[in-house]
N, C-alpha and C. Protein backbone atom coordinates (compact mmCIF):
# COMPACT_ATOMS: atom_id res chain seq x y z
N TYR A 1 4.87 -4.71 25.28
CA TYR A 1 4.08 -3.56 26.63
C TYR A 1 4.18 -4.22 27.48
N PRO A 2 3.70 -5.41 27.63
CA PRO A 2 3.81 -6.25 28.78
C PRO A 2 5.30 -5.95 29.74
N LEU A 3 6.23 -6.33 29.05
CA LEU A 3 7.21 -6.08 29.78
C LEU A 3 7.85 -4.77 30.22
N LYS A 4 7.42 -3.83 29.66
CA LYS A 4 7.40 -2.27 29.76
C LYS A 4 6.89 -2.22 31.15
N PHE A 5 5.56 -2.79 31.28
CA PHE A 5 4.45 -2.61 32.30
C PHE A 5 4.91 -3.44 33.71
N HIS A 6 5.23 -4.53 33.78
CA HIS A 6 6.21 -5.04 34.54
C HIS A 6 7.35 -4.74 35.01
N ASN A 7 8.18 -4.23 34.44
CA ASN A 7 9.10 -3.21 34.95
C ASN A 7 8.82 -2.33 35.58
N LYS A 8 8.14 -1.10 35.24
CA LYS A 8 7.50 -0.01 35.74
C LYS A 8 7.04 -0.60 37.35
N SER A 9 5.73 -1.48 37.36
CA SER A 9 5.59 -1.60 38.25
C SER A 9 6.10 -2.05 39.69
N LEU A 10 7.31 -2.84 39.04
CA LEU A 10 8.02 -3.07 39.96
C LEU A 10 9.18 -2.12 40.49
N LYS A 11 9.41 -1.26 39.87
CA LYS A 11 10.00 -0.29 40.27
C LYS A 11 9.17 1.04 40.77
N LYS A 12 8.32 0.55 41.25
CA LYS A 12 7.67 1.49 41.91
C LYS A 12 6.78 0.71 42.98
N LYS A 13 7.51 -0.45 42.76
CA LYS A 13 7.39 -1.37 44.55
C LYS A 13 6.00 -1.83 44.61
N PHE A 14 5.18 -1.74 43.70
CA PHE A 14 4.31 -2.82 43.24
C PHE A 14 4.83 -4.35 42.78
N LYS A 15 3.85 -5.42 42.92
CA LYS A 15 4.60 -6.73 42.77
C LYS A 15 3.30 -7.30 42.10
N LEU A 16 3.93 -8.28 41.41
CA LEU A 16 2.83 -9.29 40.83
C LEU A 16 1.79 -9.87 41.28
N VAL A 17 0.91 -10.35 41.23
CA VAL A 17 0.37 -11.11 41.84
C VAL A 17 -0.05 -12.56 41.37
N GLU A 18 -0.33 -13.52 42.47
CA GLU A 18 0.05 -14.97 41.83
C GLU A 18 -1.12 -15.50 41.26
N PRO A 19 -0.59 -15.90 40.21
CA PRO A 19 -1.76 -16.67 39.28
C PRO A 19 -3.22 -17.25 40.00
N TYR A 20 -3.01 -18.12 40.90
CA TYR A 20 -4.31 -18.58 41.31
C TYR A 20 -5.19 -17.64 41.97
N ILE A 21 -4.23 -16.54 42.57
CA ILE A 21 -5.26 -15.26 43.38
C ILE A 21 -5.92 -14.64 42.26
N GLY A 22 -5.33 -14.60 41.02
CA GLY A 22 -6.21 -14.20 39.82
C GLY A 22 -7.15 -14.65 39.48
N LEU A 23 -7.17 -15.55 39.85
CA LEU A 23 -8.15 -16.83 39.56
C LEU A 23 -9.19 -16.77 40.08
N LEU A 24 -8.88 -16.72 41.46
CA LEU A 24 -9.72 -16.51 42.90
C LEU A 24 -10.46 -15.28 42.95
N LEU A 25 -9.81 -14.59 42.62
CA LEU A 25 -10.44 -12.92 42.53
C LEU A 25 -11.85 -12.99 41.86
N ARG A 26 -12.22 -13.71 40.88
CA ARG A 26 -13.57 -13.96 40.35
C ARG A 26 -14.45 -14.27 41.03
N LEU A 27 -14.40 -15.12 42.15
CA LEU A 27 -15.43 -16.10 43.06
C LEU A 27 -15.55 -14.92 44.10
N HIS A 28 -14.29 -13.82 44.25
CA HIS A 28 -14.58 -12.51 45.65
C HIS A 28 -15.04 -11.50 44.91
N TYR A 29 -14.61 -10.54 43.82
CA TYR A 29 -15.25 -9.76 42.98
C TYR A 29 -16.37 -9.50 42.43
N ASN A 30 -17.23 -9.80 43.31
CA ASN A 30 -19.05 -9.92 42.60
C ASN A 30 -19.98 -8.24 43.08
N GLU A 31 -18.72 -7.53 42.89
CA GLU A 31 -19.04 -5.90 42.96
C GLU A 31 -18.63 -5.32 41.89
N GLN A 32 -18.39 -5.75 40.75
CA GLN A 32 -17.49 -5.39 39.81
C GLN A 32 -18.59 -4.64 38.93
N PRO A 33 -17.90 -3.08 38.70
CA PRO A 33 -19.28 -2.41 37.34
C PRO A 33 -19.36 -3.01 36.12
N ASN A 34 -20.27 -2.94 35.62
CA ASN A 34 -20.75 -3.59 34.73
C ASN A 34 -19.67 -2.90 33.61
N LYS A 35 -19.14 -3.11 32.60
CA LYS A 35 -18.32 -2.47 31.54
C LYS A 35 -16.69 -2.43 31.87
N GLU A 36 -16.66 -3.31 33.06
CA GLU A 36 -15.32 -3.23 33.64
C GLU A 36 -14.29 -4.32 33.22
N TRP A 37 -13.62 -4.07 32.56
CA TRP A 37 -12.09 -5.54 32.62
C TRP A 37 -11.15 -4.88 33.15
N LEU A 38 -10.89 -6.09 34.18
CA LEU A 38 -9.13 -5.59 34.76
C LEU A 38 -8.52 -6.72 34.26
N ARG A 39 -7.04 -6.39 33.73
CA ARG A 39 -5.63 -7.76 33.66
C ARG A 39 -5.17 -7.73 35.34
N ILE A 40 -5.00 -8.86 35.35
CA ILE A 40 -4.36 -9.48 36.75
C ILE A 40 -3.02 -9.69 36.20
N ALA A 41 -2.18 -8.54 36.98
CA ALA A 41 -0.75 -8.95 36.61
C ALA A 41 -0.19 -9.36 37.18
N VAL A 42 0.28 -11.01 36.57
CA VAL A 42 0.60 -12.24 37.14
C VAL A 42 1.89 -12.00 36.46
N PRO A 43 3.10 -13.06 36.82
CA PRO A 43 4.48 -12.60 36.19
C PRO A 43 4.58 -13.58 34.67
N LEU A 44 5.17 -12.98 33.73
CA LEU A 44 4.79 -12.87 32.46
C LEU A 44 4.87 -14.48 32.22
N LYS A 45 5.31 -15.31 32.76
CA LYS A 45 5.64 -16.44 31.89
C LYS A 45 4.94 -17.94 33.07
N SER A 46 4.04 -17.33 33.55
CA SER A 46 3.30 -17.97 34.83
C SER A 46 2.02 -18.73 34.50
N MET A 47 1.27 -18.49 33.36
CA MET A 47 0.38 -19.17 32.48
C MET A 47 0.21 -19.51 31.16
N LYS A 48 0.97 -20.48 31.24
CA LYS A 48 0.77 -21.19 29.29
C LYS A 48 -0.49 -21.92 29.21
N ASP A 49 -1.07 -21.88 27.86
CA ASP A 49 -2.18 -21.93 27.21
C ASP A 49 -1.65 -23.25 26.30
N SER A 50 -2.59 -23.81 26.44
CA SER A 50 -2.04 -24.99 25.43
C SER A 50 -1.70 -24.72 24.04
N ASP A 51 -2.08 -23.43 23.62
CA ASP A 51 -1.49 -23.33 22.30
C ASP A 51 -0.25 -22.49 22.11
N GLY A 52 0.65 -22.63 23.58
CA GLY A 52 1.95 -22.62 24.02
C GLY A 52 2.36 -20.63 24.23
N ILE A 53 1.07 -19.89 24.27
CA ILE A 53 1.43 -18.41 24.56
C ILE A 53 0.82 -18.64 26.08
N TYR A 54 1.40 -17.50 26.46
CA TYR A 54 1.14 -17.18 27.71
C TYR A 54 0.05 -15.92 27.94
N HIS A 55 -0.55 -16.50 29.26
CA HIS A 55 -1.79 -15.39 29.34
C HIS A 55 -1.61 -15.17 30.29
N LEU A 56 -2.44 -14.06 30.78
CA LEU A 56 -2.88 -13.68 31.95
C LEU A 56 -4.19 -13.00 32.48
N PRO A 57 -4.67 -13.42 33.18
CA PRO A 57 -6.09 -13.75 33.68
C PRO A 57 -6.48 -12.16 33.60
N LYS A 58 -7.87 -12.00 33.00
CA LYS A 58 -8.64 -10.95 33.11
C LYS A 58 -10.15 -10.88 33.67
N LEU A 59 -10.77 -10.31 34.17
CA LEU A 59 -12.11 -10.45 35.20
C LEU A 59 -13.24 -9.04 34.41
N GLY A 60 -14.08 -9.61 33.89
CA GLY A 60 -14.84 -8.60 33.32
C GLY A 60 -16.55 -9.12 33.94
N HIS A 61 -17.18 -7.67 33.64
CA HIS A 61 -18.20 -7.78 34.16
C HIS A 61 -19.21 -6.72 32.61
N ALA A 62 -20.18 -7.83 32.16
CA ALA A 62 -21.05 -6.99 30.40
C ALA A 62 -22.19 -8.45 30.82
N LEU A 63 -23.13 -7.30 30.19
CA LEU A 63 -24.16 -8.06 29.58
C LEU A 63 -24.75 -9.02 30.57
N LYS A 64 -24.49 -8.18 32.06
CA LYS A 64 -25.06 -9.03 33.29
C LYS A 64 -24.46 -10.61 33.51
N PHE A 65 -23.23 -10.23 33.08
CA PHE A 65 -22.43 -11.93 33.64
C PHE A 65 -21.15 -11.64 33.94
N PHE A 66 -20.77 -12.35 34.62
CA PHE A 66 -19.85 -12.09 35.19
C PHE A 66 -18.36 -12.93 34.16
N PHE A 67 -17.45 -12.65 33.65
CA PHE A 67 -16.24 -13.18 32.64
C PHE A 67 -14.91 -13.45 33.95
N LEU A 68 -14.07 -14.32 33.46
CA LEU A 68 -13.14 -14.58 33.61
C LEU A 68 -12.49 -15.25 32.15
N GLU A 69 -11.51 -14.79 31.93
CA GLU A 69 -10.96 -14.88 30.80
C GLU A 69 -9.78 -14.72 30.77
N THR A 70 -8.78 -14.97 29.35
CA THR A 70 -7.43 -15.13 29.25
C THR A 70 -6.96 -13.55 28.34
N TYR A 71 -5.59 -13.30 28.43
CA TYR A 71 -5.22 -12.41 27.90
C TYR A 71 -3.97 -12.93 27.16
N TRP A 72 -3.24 -12.71 26.03
CA TRP A 72 -2.22 -12.70 25.88
C TRP A 72 -1.30 -11.91 26.77
N SER A 73 -0.19 -12.82 26.87
CA SER A 73 0.82 -11.89 27.61
C SER A 73 2.43 -12.21 27.29
N TYR A 74 2.66 -12.16 26.26
CA TYR A 74 3.84 -12.05 25.79
C TYR A 74 4.60 -10.65 25.23
N PRO A 75 6.07 -10.14 25.67
CA PRO A 75 6.51 -9.20 25.64
C PRO A 75 6.37 -8.29 24.84
N ASP A 76 5.49 -8.38 23.26
CA ASP A 76 5.43 -7.62 22.26
C ASP A 76 3.61 -7.28 22.38
N ALA A 77 3.03 -8.15 23.40
CA ALA A 77 1.58 -7.92 23.16
C ALA A 77 1.33 -6.79 23.74
N ILE A 78 0.08 -6.13 22.96
CA ILE A 78 -0.38 -4.70 23.26
C ILE A 78 -1.29 -4.46 24.16
N PHE A 79 -1.20 -3.37 25.09
CA PHE A 79 -2.17 -2.85 25.59
C PHE A 79 -2.59 -1.92 25.49
N HIS A 80 -3.72 -1.62 25.61
CA HIS A 80 -3.99 -0.31 25.49
C HIS A 80 -4.29 1.28 26.32
N PRO A 81 -4.22 2.37 26.45
CA PRO A 81 -3.82 3.02 27.60
C PRO A 81 -4.65 3.09 28.54
N HIS A 82 -5.98 2.71 28.08
CA HIS A 82 -6.95 2.95 28.94
C HIS A 82 -7.22 1.12 29.85
N ASN A 83 -6.37 0.44 29.51
CA ASN A 83 -6.75 -0.93 29.94
C ASN A 83 -5.83 -0.70 31.61
N GLU A 84 -6.96 -1.63 32.70
CA GLU A 84 -6.41 -1.23 33.87
C GLU A 84 -5.66 -2.61 34.39
N PHE A 85 -4.87 -2.39 35.25
CA PHE A 85 -4.06 -3.89 35.72
C PHE A 85 -4.17 -4.03 37.21
N VAL A 86 -4.37 -5.21 37.57
CA VAL A 86 -4.36 -5.52 39.53
C VAL A 86 -3.34 -6.03 39.78
N VAL A 87 -2.79 -5.06 40.68
CA VAL A 87 -1.32 -5.69 41.14
C VAL A 87 -1.30 -5.54 42.63
N LYS A 88 -0.18 -5.91 43.48
CA LYS A 88 -0.21 -6.06 44.68
C LYS A 88 0.74 -4.68 45.13
N LYS A 89 0.19 -4.35 46.24
CA LYS A 89 1.31 -3.01 47.21
C LYS A 89 2.03 -3.69 47.93
């Protein structure tokens, strides 16, 4: 699914976000609604964890806290239709 998402985004003239910008967004997006989780659409192989799996950053707000997490980003990873992604125009 990530591969399909990336291909669709590029066809619609959206661009992927550089990984460092995805991380910096957490410092600047401080009005995030509660229970919102945003995945940052970074290039598929740009953030490799020590487990050898590629990840993408995910910003969240829940339980009165702001989160910066990562989410698996390999070609067959599953994203649900309600998941929201941040891309560049």
